[in-house]
C-alpha atoms as a PDB file:
ATOM      1  CA  MET A   1       0.000   0.000   0.000  1.00  0.00           C
ATOM      2  CA  ILE A   2       1.372   3.438  -0.944  1.00  0.00           C
ATOM      3  CA  HIS A   3       0.898   6.331   1.450  1.00  0.00           C
ATOM      4  CA  PRO A   4       1.285   9.899   0.199  1.00  0.00           C
ATOM      5  CA  SER A   5       3.234  12.473   2.144  1.00  0.00           C
ATOM      6  CA  ASP A   6       3.156  16.246   1.998  1.00  0.00           C
ATOM      7  CA  ASP A   7       5.693  16.092  -0.839  1.00  0.00           C
ATOM      8  CA  PRO A   8       4.014  14.553  -3.910  1.00  0.00           C
ATOM      9  CA  ARG A   9       7.426  13.312  -5.119  1.00  0.00           C
ATOM     10  CA  ARG A  10       7.862  11.221  -1.962  1.00  0.00           C
ATOM     11  CA  ARG A  11       5.739   8.291  -0.893  1.00  0.00           C
ATOM     12  CA  ALA A  12       6.172   5.333   1.418  1.00  0.00           C
ATOM     13  CA  ILE A  13       5.481   1.726   0.478  1.00  0.00           C
ATOM     14  CA  LEU A  14       4.464  -0.286   3.525  1.00  0.00           C
ATOM     15  CA  SER A  15       4.590  -4.060   3.727  1.00  0.00           C
ATOM     16  CA  GLY A  16       2.415  -4.440   6.802  1.00  0.00           C
ATOM     17  CA  SER A  17       5.127  -6.519   8.449  1.00  0.00           C
ATOM     18  CA  GLU A  18       5.561  -6.654  12.199  1.00  0.00           C
ATOM     19  CA  PHE A  19       9.029  -5.115  11.811  1.00  0.00           C
ATOM     20  CA  GLY A  20       7.785  -2.050   9.958  1.00  0.00           C
ATOM     21  CA  GLU A  21       5.040  -1.414  12.465  1.00  0.00           C
ATOM     22  CA  ARG A  22       7.245  -1.972  15.498  1.00  0.00           C
ATOM     23  CA  ILE A  23      10.159   0.123  14.269  1.00  0.00           C
ATOM     24  CA  GLY A  24       8.172   2.668  12.267  1.00  0.00           C
ATOM     25  CA  HIS A  25       9.866   2.325   8.891  1.00  0.00           C
ATOM     26  CA  ALA A  26       8.652   1.778   5.351  1.00  0.00           C
ATOM     27  CA  ARG A  27       9.462  -1.234   3.175  1.00  0.00           C
ATOM     28  CA  ALA A  28      10.536   1.315   0.587  1.00  0.00           C
ATOM     29  CA  VAL A  29      10.456   5.036  -0.111  1.00  0.00           C
ATOM     30  CA  VAL A  30       9.859   6.434  -3.569  1.00  0.00           C
ATOM     31  CA  ASP A  31      11.549   9.820  -3.851  1.00  0.00           C
ATOM     32  CA  GLY A  32      11.073  11.227  -7.338  1.00  0.00           C
ATOM     33  CA  ASP A  33      12.720   8.754  -9.698  1.00  0.00           C
ATOM     34  CA  ARG A  34      14.546   6.934  -6.872  1.00  0.00           C
ATOM     35  CA  VAL A  35      13.331   3.914  -4.950  1.00  0.00           C
ATOM     36  CA  HIS A  36      15.099   3.095  -1.685  1.00  0.00           C
ATOM     37  CA  VAL A  37      14.237  -0.369  -0.357  1.00  0.00           C
ATOM     38  CA  SER A  38      14.920  -0.965   3.340  1.00  0.00           C
ATOM     39  CA  GLY A  39      17.138  -3.767   4.535  1.00  0.00           C
ATOM     40  CA  THR A  40      15.147  -6.928   3.933  1.00  0.00           C
ATOM     41  CA  THR A  41      15.641 -10.265   5.612  1.00  0.00           C
ATOM     42  CA  GLY A  42      14.807 -13.849   4.773  1.00  0.00           C
ATOM     43  CA  PHE A  43      11.690 -13.938   6.922  1.00  0.00           C
ATOM     44  CA  ASP A  44       8.438 -15.069   5.377  1.00  0.00           C
ATOM     45  CA  TYR A  45       6.556 -12.052   6.692  1.00  0.00           C
ATOM     46  CA  THR A  46       3.142 -13.733   6.460  1.00  0.00           C
ATOM     47  CA  THR A  47       4.142 -16.587   8.799  1.00  0.00           C
ATOM     48  CA  MET A  48       7.081 -14.839  10.528  1.00  0.00           C
ATOM     49  CA  THR A  49       9.235 -17.916   9.928  1.00  0.00           C
ATOM     50  CA  ILE A  50      12.783 -18.026   8.605  1.00  0.00           C
ATOM     51  CA  SER A  51      14.882 -20.854   7.179  1.00  0.00           C
ATOM     52  CA  ASP A  52      18.181 -21.827   8.793  1.00  0.00           C
ATOM     53  CA  ASP A  53      19.761 -22.074   5.313  1.00  0.00           C
ATOM     54  CA  VAL A  54      21.518 -18.881   4.172  1.00  0.00           C
ATOM     55  CA  MET A  55      20.802 -19.528   0.477  1.00  0.00           C
ATOM     56  CA  GLU A  56      17.100 -19.948   1.199  1.00  0.00           C
ATOM     57  CA  GLN A  57      17.228 -16.741   3.237  1.00  0.00           C
ATOM     58  CA  ALA A  58      18.887 -14.912   0.329  1.00  0.00           C
ATOM     59  CA  GLU A  59      16.233 -16.173  -2.079  1.00  0.00           C
ATOM     60  CA  ARG A  60      13.461 -15.095   0.310  1.00  0.00           C
ATOM     61  CA  CYS A  61      15.141 -11.680   0.747  1.00  0.00           C
ATOM     62  CA  LEU A  62      14.993 -11.141  -2.997  1.00  0.00           C
ATOM     63  CA  ARG A  63      11.355 -12.278  -3.212  1.00  0.00           C
ATOM     64  CA  ASN A  64      10.502  -9.909  -0.356  1.00  0.00           C
ATOM     65  CA  ILE A  65      12.431  -7.066  -1.991  1.00  0.00           C
ATOM     66  CA  GLY A  66      10.880  -7.639  -5.429  1.00  0.00           C
ATOM     67  CA  ALA A  67       7.413  -6.512  -4.410  1.00  0.00           C
ATOM     68  CA  ALA A  68       8.502  -2.989  -3.420  1.00  0.00           C
ATOM     69  CA  PRO A  69      10.127  -1.927  -6.721  1.00  0.00           C
ATOM     70  CA  ALA A  70       7.202  -3.473  -8.611  1.00  0.00           C
ATOM     71  CA  GLU A  71       4.771  -1.358  -6.598  1.00  0.00           C
ATOM     72  CA  ALA A  72       6.923   1.695  -7.377  1.00  0.00           C
ATOM     73  CA  GLY A  73       6.896   0.973 -11.118  1.00  0.00           C
ATOM     74  CA  CYS A  74      10.294  -0.641 -11.619  1.00  0.00           C
ATOM     75  CA  THR A  75      12.019  -4.021 -11.555  1.00  0.00           C
ATOM     76  CA  PHE A  76      15.314  -5.563 -10.509  1.00  0.00           C
ATOM     77  CA  ALA A  77      16.661  -4.375 -13.878  1.00  0.00           C
ATOM     78  CA  ASP A  78      16.369  -0.811 -12.507  1.00  0.00           C
ATOM     79  CA  VAL A  79      18.485  -1.521  -9.392  1.00  0.00           C
ATOM     80  CA  VAL A  80      21.551   0.734  -9.220  1.00  0.00           C
ATOM     81  CA  ARG A  81      22.920  -0.317  -5.804  1.00  0.00           C
ATOM     82  CA  VAL A  82      22.715  -3.462  -3.691  1.00  0.00           C
ATOM     83  CA  ARG A  83      24.043  -3.925  -0.168  1.00  0.00           C
ATOM     84  CA  CYS A  84      24.385  -7.321   1.488  1.00  0.00           C
ATOM     85  CA  LEU A  85      24.835  -7.485   5.241  1.00  0.00           C
ATOM     86  CA  LEU A  86      25.948 -10.760   6.800  1.00  0.00           C
ATOM     87  CA  PRO A  87      27.046 -11.679  10.320  1.00  0.00           C
ATOM     88  CA  ASP A  88      29.422 -14.336   8.927  1.00  0.00           C
ATOM     89  CA  ARG A  89      31.580 -13.499   5.879  1.00  0.00           C
ATOM     90  CA  ALA A  90      31.715 -17.218   4.998  1.00  0.00           C
ATOM     91  CA  ASP A  91      27.986 -17.049   4.168  1.00  0.00           C
ATOM     92  CA  PHE A  92      28.567 -14.680   1.250  1.00  0.00           C
ATOM     93  CA  GLU A  93      30.020 -17.275  -1.130  1.00  0.00           C
ATOM     94  CA  PRO A  94      26.996 -19.623  -0.931  1.00  0.00           C
ATOM     95  CA  CYS A  95      24.726 -16.607  -1.614  1.00  0.00           C
ATOM     96  CA  ARG A  96      26.705 -15.359  -4.595  1.00  0.00           C
ATOM     97  CA  PRO A  97      24.886 -17.563  -7.179  1.00  0.00           C
ATOM     98  CA  VAL A  98      21.507 -16.410  -5.840  1.00  0.00           C
ATOM     99  CA  LEU A  99      22.580 -12.773  -6.150  1.00  0.00           C
ATOM    100  CA  CYS A 100      24.078 -13.348  -9.613  1.00  0.00           C
ATOM    101  CA  ARG A 101      20.794 -14.803 -10.887  1.00  0.00           C
ATOM    102  CA  CYS A 102      19.074 -11.575  -9.903  1.00  0.00           C
ATOM    103  CA  PHE A 103      21.769  -8.959 -10.569  1.00  0.00           C
ATOM    104  CA  GLY A 104      24.344 -10.612 -12.865  1.00  0.00           C
ATOM    105  CA  GLU A 105      23.121  -8.854 -16.009  1.00  0.00           C
ATOM    106  CA  VAL A 106      22.144  -5.635 -14.185  1.00  0.00           C
ATOM    107  CA  ARG A 107      25.575  -4.988 -12.642  1.00  0.00           C
ATOM    108  CA  PRO A 108      24.534  -2.572  -9.876  1.00  0.00           C
ATOM    109  CA  ALA A 109      27.099  -1.003  -7.572  1.00  0.00           C
ATOM    110  CA  ALA A 110      27.448  -3.492  -4.725  1.00  0.00           C
ATOM    111  CA  THR A 111      28.720  -3.685  -1.181  1.00  0.00           C
ATOM    112  CA  MET A 112      29.031  -6.649   1.177  1.00  0.00           C
ATOM    113  CA  MET A 113      29.408  -5.850   4.863  1.00  0.00           C
ATOM    114  CA  VAL A 114      29.997  -8.126   7.825  1.00  0.00           C
ATOM    115  CA  CYS A 115      27.984  -6.939  10.807  1.00  0.00           C
ATOM    116  CA  GLY A 116      25.523  -8.030  13.450  1.00  0.00           C
ATOM    117  CA  LEU A 117      21.836  -8.243  12.550  1.00  0.00           C
ATOM    118  CA  ALA A 118      18.798  -7.610  14.742  1.00  0.00           C
ATOM    119  CA  ASP A 119      17.867 -11.279  15.201  1.00  0.00           C
ATOM    120  CA  PRO A 120      20.411 -14.120  15.538  1.00  0.00           C
ATOM    121  CA  ARG A 121      18.335 -16.272  13.128  1.00  0.00           C
ATOM    122  CA  MET A 122      19.020 -13.740  10.355  1.00  0.00           C
ATOM    123  CA  ARG A 123      22.015 -14.767   8.252  1.00  0.00           C
ATOM    124  CA  ILE A 124      21.666 -12.142   5.508  1.00  0.00           C
ATOM    125  CA  GLU A 125      19.948  -8.813   4.988  1.00  0.00           C
ATOM    126  CA  ILE A 126      19.771  -7.111   1.591  1.00  0.00           C
ATOM    127  CA  GLU A 127      18.845  -3.559   0.656  1.00  0.00           C
ATOM    128  CA  VAL A 128      18.614  -2.014  -2.785  1.00  0.00           C
ATOM    129  CA  ASP A 129      18.261   1.358  -4.456  1.00  0.00           C
ATOM    130  CA  ALA A 130      16.650   1.625  -7.881  1.00  0.00           C
ATOM    131  CA  ARG A 131      15.936   4.319 -10.414  1.00  0.00           C
ATOM    132  CA  ARG A 132      12.458   4.326 -11.876  1.00  0.00           C
ATOM    133  CA  PRO A 133      12.093   4.461 -15.640  1.00  0.00           C
ATOM    134  CA  ALA A 134      10.873   7.797 -17.005  1.00  0.00           C
ATOM    135  CA  THR A 135       7.496   6.237 -17.837  1.00  0.00           C
ATOM    136  CA  ALA A 136       6.873   4.943 -14.266  1.00  0.00           C
ATOM    137  CA  GLY A 137       4.123   6.668 -12.348  1.00  0.00           C
END
C-alpha cells in the first residue's frame, strides 16, 4: 500500500510486516525517480518464519524485496545499488549464485558488509536502491 506524504514526489510503500510497524519504517520510499528499499531479511513475513539455510534466506530476501520496486513501477533491472549485510563473511560465497541470478546482467554497484543483525536467526539482509524508468508513475 502506498501512502502519500506532503511532498508529492515522496511516498512510502508499507509491507504491513511486524518489523515495519514496530520500528516505524517503510518497506521502501519512492523519492522522485529513486526507490530506496529498506534492509530486507529472509523472513516469510506472512508466517514470521525463517529458514536456517543462508541460500534460502537470500532467495526469500529477494522475493521480499521484489514486491517494493514493482509497486513503485520498476524491476530488478532498474536496481543501481545493492548492499548485502551478513554476520558471517563465509555465508557470502553460498549466496553469490543467488545474487548473480538476480543482478548478474544488471551490474549494480554493490557492497558486502559483515555486521551483526537484529535477530540471531538472520544470516543475511539485503537492501537495494533503484531508479524508476521515465514512464513509471
